[in-house]
PDB file of all heavy atoms in Angstrom:
ATOM      1  N   SER A   1      -0.742  18.695  17.724  1.00  0.00           N
ATOM      2  CA  SER A   1      -1.577  19.880  17.981  1.00  0.00           C
ATOM      3  C   SER A   1      -2.286  20.258  16.682  1.00  0.00           C
ATOM      4  O   SER A   1      -1.891  19.823  15.580  1.00  0.00           O
ATOM      5  CB  SER A   1      -0.695  21.047  18.426  1.00  0.00           C
ATOM      6  OG  SER A   1       0.167  21.446  17.363  1.00  0.00           O
ATOM      7  N   GLN A   2      -3.294  21.095  16.810  1.00  0.00           N
ATOM      8  CA  GLN A   2      -3.967  21.615  15.607  1.00  0.00           C
ATOM      9  C   GLN A   2      -2.978  22.399  14.763  1.00  0.00           C
ATOM     10  O   GLN A   2      -2.992  22.305  13.540  1.00  0.00           O
ATOM     11  CB  GLN A   2      -5.143  22.509  15.993  1.00  0.00           C
ATOM     12  CG  GLN A   2      -6.394  21.793  16.335  1.00  0.00           C
ATOM     13  CD  GLN A   2      -7.555  22.749  16.536  1.00  0.00           C
ATOM     14  OE1 GLN A   2      -7.381  23.893  16.949  1.00  0.00           O
ATOM     15  NE2 GLN A   2      -8.756  22.288  16.258  1.00  0.00           N
ATOM     16  N   ASP A   3      -2.116  23.135  15.428  1.00  0.00           N
ATOM     17  CA  ASP A   3      -1.145  23.960  14.716  1.00  0.00           C
ATOM     18  C   ASP A   3      -0.215  23.093  13.851  1.00  0.00           C
ATOM     19  O   ASP A   3       0.030  23.425  12.695  1.00  0.00           O
ATOM     20  CB  ASP A   3      -0.334  24.792  15.709  1.00  0.00           C
ATOM     21  CG  ASP A   3       0.569  25.794  15.017  1.00  0.00           C
ATOM     22  OD1 ASP A   3       0.082  26.529  14.115  1.00  0.00           O
ATOM     23  OD2 ASP A   3       1.758  25.853  15.369  1.00  0.00           O
ATOM     24  N   LEU A   4       0.241  21.979  14.403  1.00  0.00           N
ATOM     25  CA  LEU A   4       1.154  21.105  13.665  1.00  0.00           C
ATOM     26  C   LEU A   4       0.451  20.529  12.428  1.00  0.00           C
ATOM     27  O   LEU A   4       1.003  20.573  11.314  1.00  0.00           O
ATOM     28  CB  LEU A   4       1.678  19.979  14.544  1.00  0.00           C
ATOM     29  CG  LEU A   4       2.603  18.969  13.850  1.00  0.00           C
ATOM     30  CD1 LEU A   4       3.853  19.645  13.324  1.00  0.00           C
ATOM     31  CD2 LEU A   4       2.951  17.849  14.816  1.00  0.00           C
ATOM     32  N   LEU A   5      -0.767  20.005  12.602  1.00  0.00           N
ATOM     33  CA  LEU A   5      -1.482  19.431  11.456  1.00  0.00           C
ATOM     34  C   LEU A   5      -1.794  20.513  10.423  1.00  0.00           C
ATOM     35  O   LEU A   5      -1.630  20.292   9.226  1.00  0.00           O
ATOM     36  CB  LEU A   5      -2.770  18.738  11.888  1.00  0.00           C
ATOM     37  CG  LEU A   5      -3.622  18.140  10.762  1.00  0.00           C
ATOM     38  CD1 LEU A   5      -2.811  17.135   9.936  1.00  0.00           C
ATOM     39  CD2 LEU A   5      -4.874  17.480  11.307  1.00  0.00           C
ATOM     40  N   ALA A   6      -2.207  21.686  10.882  1.00  0.00           N
ATOM     41  CA  ALA A   6      -2.513  22.771   9.951  1.00  0.00           C
ATOM     42  C   ALA A   6      -1.280  23.124   9.112  1.00  0.00           C
ATOM     43  O   ALA A   6      -1.390  23.290   7.882  1.00  0.00           O
ATOM     44  CB  ALA A   6      -3.002  23.999  10.725  1.00  0.00           C
ATOM     45  N   LYS A   7      -0.104  23.211   9.757  1.00  0.00           N
ATOM     46  CA  LYS A   7       1.112  23.527   9.012  1.00  0.00           C
ATOM     47  C   LYS A   7       1.440  22.430   8.014  1.00  0.00           C
ATOM     48  O   LYS A   7       1.838  22.729   6.881  1.00  0.00           O
ATOM     49  CB  LYS A   7       2.277  23.719   9.984  1.00  0.00           C
ATOM     50  CG  LYS A   7       2.219  25.051  10.712  1.00  0.00           C
ATOM     51  CD  LYS A   7       3.350  25.233  11.688  1.00  0.00           C
ATOM     52  CE  LYS A   7       3.217  26.569  12.401  1.00  0.00           C
ATOM     53  NZ  LYS A   7       4.154  26.739  13.485  1.00  0.00           N
ATOM     54  N   LYS A   8       1.260  21.172   8.393  1.00  0.00           N
ATOM     55  CA  LYS A   8       1.549  20.057   7.474  1.00  0.00           C
ATOM     56  C   LYS A   8       0.622  20.109   6.265  1.00  0.00           C
ATOM     57  O   LYS A   8       0.989  19.623   5.192  1.00  0.00           O
ATOM     58  CB  LYS A   8       1.417  18.725   8.196  1.00  0.00           C
ATOM     59  CG  LYS A   8       2.526  18.421   9.172  1.00  0.00           C
ATOM     60  CD  LYS A   8       2.294  17.064   9.852  1.00  0.00           C
ATOM     61  CE  LYS A   8       3.410  16.681  10.768  1.00  0.00           C
ATOM     62  NZ  LYS A   8       4.563  16.130  10.066  1.00  0.00           N
ATOM     63  N   CYS A   9      -0.581  20.648   6.453  1.00  0.00           N
ATOM     64  CA  CYS A   9      -1.573  20.675   5.385  1.00  0.00           C
ATOM     65  C   CYS A   9      -1.616  21.992   4.614  1.00  0.00           C
ATOM     66  O   CYS A   9      -2.344  22.111   3.630  1.00  0.00           O
ATOM     67  CB  CYS A   9      -2.964  20.392   5.947  1.00  0.00           C
ATOM     68  SG  CYS A   9      -3.098  18.760   6.679  1.00  0.00           S
ATOM     69  N   GLY A  10      -0.867  22.989   5.087  1.00  0.00           N
ATOM     70  CA  GLY A  10      -0.832  24.293   4.409  1.00  0.00           C
ATOM     71  C   GLY A  10      -2.104  25.100   4.607  1.00  0.00           C
ATOM     72  O   GLY A  10      -2.501  25.845   3.703  1.00  0.00           O
ATOM     73  N   ILE A  11      -2.757  24.939   5.780  1.00  0.00           N
ATOM     74  CA  ILE A  11      -3.954  25.710   6.066  1.00  0.00           C
ATOM     75  C   ILE A  11      -3.755  26.391   7.432  1.00  0.00           C
ATOM     76  O   ILE A  11      -2.826  26.071   8.168  1.00  0.00           O
ATOM     77  CB  ILE A  11      -5.233  24.838   6.102  1.00  0.00           C
ATOM     78  CG1 ILE A  11      -5.121  23.724   7.146  1.00  0.00           C
ATOM     79  CG2 ILE A  11      -5.514  24.264   4.723  1.00  0.00           C
ATOM     80  CD1 ILE A  11      -6.365  22.878   7.319  1.00  0.00           C
ATOM     81  N   SER A  12      -4.639  27.314   7.759  1.00  0.00           N
ATOM     82  CA  SER A  12      -4.526  27.998   9.044  1.00  0.00           C
ATOM     83  C   SER A  12      -5.082  27.110  10.162  1.00  0.00           C
ATOM     84  O   SER A  12      -5.936  26.247   9.923  1.00  0.00           O
ATOM     85  CB  SER A  12      -5.281  29.326   9.026  1.00  0.00           C
ATOM     86  OG  SER A  12      -6.688  29.091   9.013  1.00  0.00           O
ATOM     87  N   MET A  13      -4.591  27.366  11.356  1.00  0.00           N
ATOM     88  CA  MET A  13      -5.077  26.616  12.523  1.00  0.00           C
ATOM     89  C   MET A  13      -6.581  26.912  12.741  1.00  0.00           C
ATOM     90  O   MET A  13      -7.343  26.032  13.112  1.00  0.00           O
ATOM     91  CB  MET A  13      -4.269  26.970  13.765  1.00  0.00           C
ATOM     92  CG  MET A  13      -4.575  26.082  14.932  1.00  0.00           C
ATOM     93  SD  MET A  13      -3.498  26.353  16.354  1.00  0.00           S
ATOM     94  CE  MET A  13      -4.095  27.913  16.935  1.00  0.00           C
ATOM     95  N   SER A  14      -6.974  28.131  12.479  1.00  0.00           N
ATOM     96  CA  SER A  14      -8.369  28.511  12.612  1.00  0.00           C
ATOM     97  C   SER A  14      -9.257  27.708  11.671  1.00  0.00           C
ATOM     98  O   SER A  14     -10.323  27.188  12.065  1.00  0.00           O
ATOM     99  CB  SER A  14      -8.546  30.003  12.321  1.00  0.00           C
ATOM    100  OG  SER A  14      -9.896  30.370  12.291  1.00  0.00           O
ATOM    101  N   PHE A  15      -8.827  27.555  10.413  1.00  0.00           N
ATOM    102  CA  PHE A  15      -9.601  26.790   9.444  1.00  0.00           C
ATOM    103  C   PHE A  15      -9.672  25.317   9.867  1.00  0.00           C
ATOM    104  O   PHE A  15     -10.746  24.707   9.787  1.00  0.00           O
ATOM    105  CB  PHE A  15      -9.015  26.940   8.038  1.00  0.00           C
ATOM    106  CG  PHE A  15      -9.818  26.264   6.964  1.00  0.00           C
ATOM    107  CD1 PHE A  15     -11.185  26.416   6.888  1.00  0.00           C
ATOM    108  CD2 PHE A  15      -9.185  25.476   6.006  1.00  0.00           C
ATOM    109  CE1 PHE A  15     -11.940  25.795   5.882  1.00  0.00           C
ATOM    110  CE2 PHE A  15      -9.903  24.848   5.008  1.00  0.00           C
ATOM    111  CZ  PHE A  15     -11.285  25.005   4.947  1.00  0.00           C
ATOM    112  N   LEU A  16      -8.553  24.770  10.357  1.00  0.00           N
ATOM    113  CA  LEU A  16      -8.559  23.368  10.819  1.00  0.00           C
ATOM    114  C   LEU A  16      -9.544  23.227  11.966  1.00  0.00           C
ATOM    115  O   LEU A  16     -10.282  22.225  12.036  1.00  0.00           O
ATOM    116  CB  LEU A  16      -7.175  22.916  11.234  1.00  0.00           C
ATOM    117  CG  LEU A  16      -7.106  21.475  11.766  1.00  0.00           C
ATOM    118  CD1 LEU A  16      -7.571  20.472  10.709  1.00  0.00           C
ATOM    119  CD2 LEU A  16      -5.699  21.143  12.228  1.00  0.00           C
ATOM    120  N   GLY A  17      -9.588  24.186  12.869  1.00  0.00           N
ATOM    121  CA  GLY A  17     -10.554  24.155  13.972  1.00  0.00           C
ATOM    122  C   GLY A  17     -11.980  24.081  13.455  1.00  0.00           C
ATOM    123  O   GLY A  17     -12.806  23.320  13.950  1.00  0.00           O
ATOM    124  N   HIS A  18     -12.286  24.884  12.429  1.00  0.00           N
ATOM    125  CA  HIS A  18     -13.625  24.836  11.815  1.00  0.00           C
ATOM    126  C   HIS A  18     -13.894  23.491  11.179  1.00  0.00           C
ATOM    127  O   HIS A  18     -15.006  22.963  11.284  1.00  0.00           O
ATOM    128  CB  HIS A  18     -13.755  25.956  10.764  1.00  0.00           C
ATOM    129  CG  HIS A  18     -14.036  27.297  11.339  1.00  0.00           C
ATOM    130  ND1 HIS A  18     -15.242  27.658  11.862  1.00  0.00           N
ATOM    131  CD2 HIS A  18     -13.218  28.376  11.476  1.00  0.00           C
ATOM    132  CE1 HIS A  18     -15.183  28.911  12.294  1.00  0.00           C
ATOM    133  NE2 HIS A  18     -13.955  29.371  12.075  1.00  0.00           N
ATOM    134  N   ILE A  19     -12.896  22.928  10.502  1.00  0.00           N
ATOM    135  CA  ILE A  19     -13.059  21.612   9.883  1.00  0.00           C
ATOM    136  C   ILE A  19     -13.361  20.573  10.968  1.00  0.00           C
ATOM    137  O   ILE A  19     -14.292  19.760  10.815  1.00  0.00           O
ATOM    138  CB  ILE A  19     -11.801  21.215   9.083  1.00  0.00           C
ATOM    139  CG1 ILE A  19     -11.651  22.101   7.847  1.00  0.00           C
ATOM    140  CG2 ILE A  19     -11.837  19.730   8.701  1.00  0.00           C
ATOM    141  CD1 ILE A  19     -10.312  21.975   7.130  1.00  0.00           C
ATOM    142  N   GLU A  20     -12.619  20.598  12.045  1.00  0.00           N
ATOM    143  CA  GLU A  20     -12.810  19.605  13.118  1.00  0.00           C
ATOM    144  C   GLU A  20     -14.161  19.771  13.815  1.00  0.00           C
ATOM    145  O   GLU A  20     -14.716  18.783  14.303  1.00  0.00           O
ATOM    146  CB  GLU A  20     -11.667  19.691  14.139  1.00  0.00           C
ATOM    147  CG  GLU A  20     -10.355  19.159  13.601  1.00  0.00           C
ATOM    148  CD  GLU A  20      -9.257  19.091  14.637  1.00  0.00           C
ATOM    149  OE1 GLU A  20      -9.432  19.631  15.764  1.00  0.00           O
ATOM    150  OE2 GLU A  20      -8.213  18.499  14.340  1.00  0.00           O
ATOM    151  N   ARG A  21     -14.704  20.982  13.837  1.00  0.00           N
ATOM    152  CA  ARG A  21     -16.028  21.196  14.416  1.00  0.00           C
ATOM    153  C   ARG A  21     -17.149  20.975  13.402  1.00  0.00           C
ATOM    154  O   ARG A  21     -18.327  20.960  13.747  1.00  0.00           O
ATOM    155  CB  ARG A  21     -16.139  22.616  14.995  1.00  0.00           C
ATOM    156  CG  ARG A  21     -15.328  22.813  16.254  1.00  0.00           C
ATOM    157  CD  ARG A  21     -15.578  24.167  16.893  1.00  0.00           C
ATOM    158  NE  ARG A  21     -15.281  25.306  16.031  1.00  0.00           N
ATOM    159  CZ  ARG A  21     -14.069  25.824  15.826  1.00  0.00           C
ATOM    160  NH1 ARG A  21     -13.001  25.274  16.420  1.00  0.00           N
ATOM    161  NH2 ARG A  21     -13.888  26.858  15.042  1.00  0.00           N
ATOM    162  N   GLY A  22     -16.769  20.858  12.125  1.00  0.00           N
ATOM    163  CA  GLY A  22     -17.766  20.633  11.070  1.00  0.00           C
ATOM    164  C   GLY A  22     -18.510  21.891  10.676  1.00  0.00           C
ATOM    165  O   GLY A  22     -19.585  21.826  10.070  1.00  0.00           O
ATOM    166  N   THR A  23     -17.933  23.060  10.971  1.00  0.00           N
ATOM    167  CA  THR A  23     -18.595  24.328  10.662  1.00  0.00           C
ATOM    168  C   THR A  23     -18.169  24.931   9.325  1.00  0.00           C
ATOM    169  O   THR A  23     -18.753  25.901   8.880  1.00  0.00           O
ATOM    170  CB  THR A  23     -18.371  25.372  11.788  1.00  0.00           C
ATOM    171  OG1 THR A  23     -16.967  25.541  11.982  1.00  0.00           O
ATOM    172  CG2 THR A  23     -19.018  24.901  13.083  1.00  0.00           C
ATOM    173  N   ARG A  24     -17.121  24.361   8.715  1.00  0.00           N
ATOM    174  CA  ARG A  24     -16.681  24.807   7.392  1.00  0.00           C
ATOM    175  C   ARG A  24     -16.402  23.570   6.537  1.00  0.00           C
ATOM    176  O   ARG A  24     -15.987  22.543   7.059  1.00  0.00           O
ATOM    177  CB  ARG A  24     -15.400  25.647   7.466  1.00  0.00           C
ATOM    178  CG  ARG A  24     -15.509  26.905   8.301  1.00  0.00           C
ATOM    179  CD  ARG A  24     -15.508  28.233   7.579  1.00  0.00           C
ATOM    180  NE  ARG A  24     -14.753  28.432   6.395  1.00  0.00           N
ATOM    181  CZ  ARG A  24     -13.593  29.112   6.315  1.00  0.00           C
ATOM    182  NH1 ARG A  24     -13.037  29.596   7.390  1.00  0.00           N
ATOM    183  NH2 ARG A  24     -13.033  29.292   5.154  1.00  0.00           N
ATOM    184  N   ILE A  25     -16.627  23.708   5.269  1.00  0.00           N
ATOM    185  CA  ILE A  25     -16.393  22.617   4.330  1.00  0.00           C
ATOM    186  C   ILE A  25     -15.067  22.870   3.610  1.00  0.00           C
ATOM    187  O   ILE A  25     -14.850  23.953   3.070  1.00  0.00           O
ATOM    188  CB  ILE A  25     -17.536  22.497   3.314  1.00  0.00           C
ATOM    189  CG1 ILE A  25     -18.851  22.185   4.061  1.00  0.00           C
ATOM    190  CG2 ILE A  25     -17.256  21.435   2.275  1.00  0.00           C
ATOM    191  CD1 ILE A  25     -20.069  22.229   3.179  1.00  0.00           C
ATOM    192  N   MET A  26     -14.219  21.860   3.611  1.00  0.00           N
ATOM    193  CA  MET A  26     -12.904  21.997   2.979  1.00  0.00           C
ATOM    194  C   MET A  26     -12.950  21.577   1.512  1.00  0.00           C
ATOM    195  O   MET A  26     -13.858  20.865   1.103  1.00  0.00           O
ATOM    196  CB  MET A  26     -11.877  21.138   3.738  1.00  0.00           C
ATOM    197  CG  MET A  26     -12.103  19.662   3.602  1.00  0.00           C
ATOM    198  SD  MET A  26     -11.092  18.710   4.717  1.00  0.00           S
ATOM    199  CE  MET A  26     -12.371  17.986   5.733  1.00  0.00           C
ATOM    200  N   SER A  27     -11.952  22.034   0.776  1.00  0.00           N
ATOM    201  CA  SER A  27     -11.814  21.607  -0.629  1.00  0.00           C
ATOM    202  C   SER A  27     -11.305  20.178  -0.671  1.00  0.00           C
ATOM    203  O   SER A  27     -10.794  19.640   0.316  1.00  0.00           O
ATOM    204  CB  SER A  27     -10.829  22.532  -1.353  1.00  0.00           C
ATOM    205  OG  SER A  27      -9.509  22.302  -0.857  1.00  0.00           O
ATOM    206  N   LEU A  28     -11.460  19.556  -1.817  1.00  0.00           N
ATOM    207  CA  LEU A  28     -10.937  18.210  -2.022  1.00  0.00           C
ATOM    208  C   LEU A  28      -9.424  18.198  -1.817  1.00  0.00           C
ATOM    209  O   LEU A  28      -8.872  17.270  -1.203  1.00  0.00           O
ATOM    210  CB  LEU A  28     -11.300  17.697  -3.403  1.00  0.00           C
ATOM    211  CG  LEU A  28     -10.844  16.280  -3.747  1.00  0.00           C
ATOM    212  CD1 LEU A  28     -11.413  15.271  -2.753  1.00  0.00           C
ATOM    213  CD2 LEU A  28     -11.268  15.925  -5.150  1.00  0.00           C
ATOM    214  N   GLU A  29      -8.745  19.239  -2.290  1.00  0.00           N
ATOM    215  CA  GLU A  29      -7.288  19.317  -2.137  1.00  0.00           C
ATOM    216  C   GLU A  29      -6.893  19.330  -0.660  1.00  0.00           C
ATOM    217  O   GLU A  29      -5.977  18.640  -0.243  1.00  0.00           O
ATOM    218  CB  GLU A  29      -6.754  20.568  -2.836  1.00  0.00           C
ATOM    219  CG  GLU A  29      -5.242  20.717  -2.729  1.00  0.00           C
ATOM    220  CD  GLU A  29      -4.725  21.972  -3.399  1.00  0.00           C
ATOM    221  OE1 GLU A  29      -5.516  22.728  -3.996  1.00  0.00           O
ATOM    222  OE2 GLU A  29      -3.503  22.184  -3.342  1.00  0.00           O
ATOM    223  N   THR A  30      -7.618  20.099   0.141  1.00  0.00           N
ATOM    224  CA  THR A  30      -7.338  20.154   1.585  1.00  0.00           C
ATOM    225  C   THR A  30      -7.595  18.808   2.218  1.00  0.00           C
ATOM    226  O   THR A  30      -6.821  18.322   3.056  1.00  0.00           O
ATOM    227  CB  THR A  30      -8.172  21.252   2.263  1.00  0.00           C
ATOM    228  OG1 THR A  30      -7.801  22.515   1.706  1.00  0.00           O
ATOM    229  CG2 THR A  30      -7.946  21.279   3.767  1.00  0.00           C
ATOM    230  N   PHE A  31      -8.703  18.148   1.825  1.00  0.00           N
ATOM    231  CA  PHE A  31      -9.014  16.824   2.378  1.00  0.00           C
ATOM    232  C   PHE A  31      -7.913  15.822   2.052  1.00  0.00           C
ATOM    233  O   PHE A  31      -7.474  15.055   2.909  1.00  0.00           O
ATOM    234  CB  PHE A  31     -10.362  16.334   1.844  1.00  0.00           C
ATOM    235  CG  PHE A  31     -10.739  14.985   2.367  1.00  0.00           C
ATOM    236  CD1 PHE A  31     -11.037  14.800   3.710  1.00  0.00           C
ATOM    237  CD2 PHE A  31     -10.778  13.889   1.518  1.00  0.00           C
ATOM    238  CE1 PHE A  31     -11.383  13.553   4.204  1.00  0.00           C
ATOM    239  CE2 PHE A  31     -11.123  12.637   2.006  1.00  0.00           C
ATOM    240  CZ  PHE A  31     -11.427  12.475   3.350  1.00  0.00           C
ATOM    241  N   VAL A  32      -7.433  15.857   0.823  1.00  0.00           N
ATOM    242  CA  VAL A  32      -6.336  14.964   0.412  1.00  0.00           C
ATOM    243  C   VAL A  32      -5.090  15.244   1.251  1.00  0.00           C
ATOM    244  O   VAL A  32      -4.408  14.324   1.704  1.00  0.00           O
ATOM    245  CB  VAL A  32      -6.046  15.089  -1.104  1.00  0.00           C
ATOM    246  CG1 VAL A  32      -4.758  14.407  -1.495  1.00  0.00           C
ATOM    247  CG2 VAL A  32      -7.213  14.538  -1.908  1.00  0.00           C
ATOM    248  N   ASN A  33      -4.795  16.526   1.474  1.00  0.00           N
ATOM    249  CA  ASN A  33      -3.640  16.899   2.286  1.00  0.00           C
ATOM    250  C   ASN A  33      -3.779  16.393   3.727  1.00  0.00           C
ATOM    251  O   ASN A  33      -2.810  15.932   4.329  1.00  0.00           O
ATOM    252  CB  ASN A  33      -3.423  18.408   2.274  1.00  0.00           C
ATOM    253  CG  ASN A  33      -2.926  18.901   0.931  1.00  0.00           C
ATOM    254  OD1 ASN A  33      -2.397  18.136   0.130  1.00  0.00           O
ATOM    255  ND2 ASN A  33      -3.116  20.177   0.661  1.00  0.00           N
TER     256      ASN A  33
END
């Protein structure tokens, strides 16, 4: 689920949703995670 991946990466599920839709740009650290 988005929730599981978000928790594994230390980000919010909302932010992961934005990343998956391409509406927000993540940091390099988040991308590595």
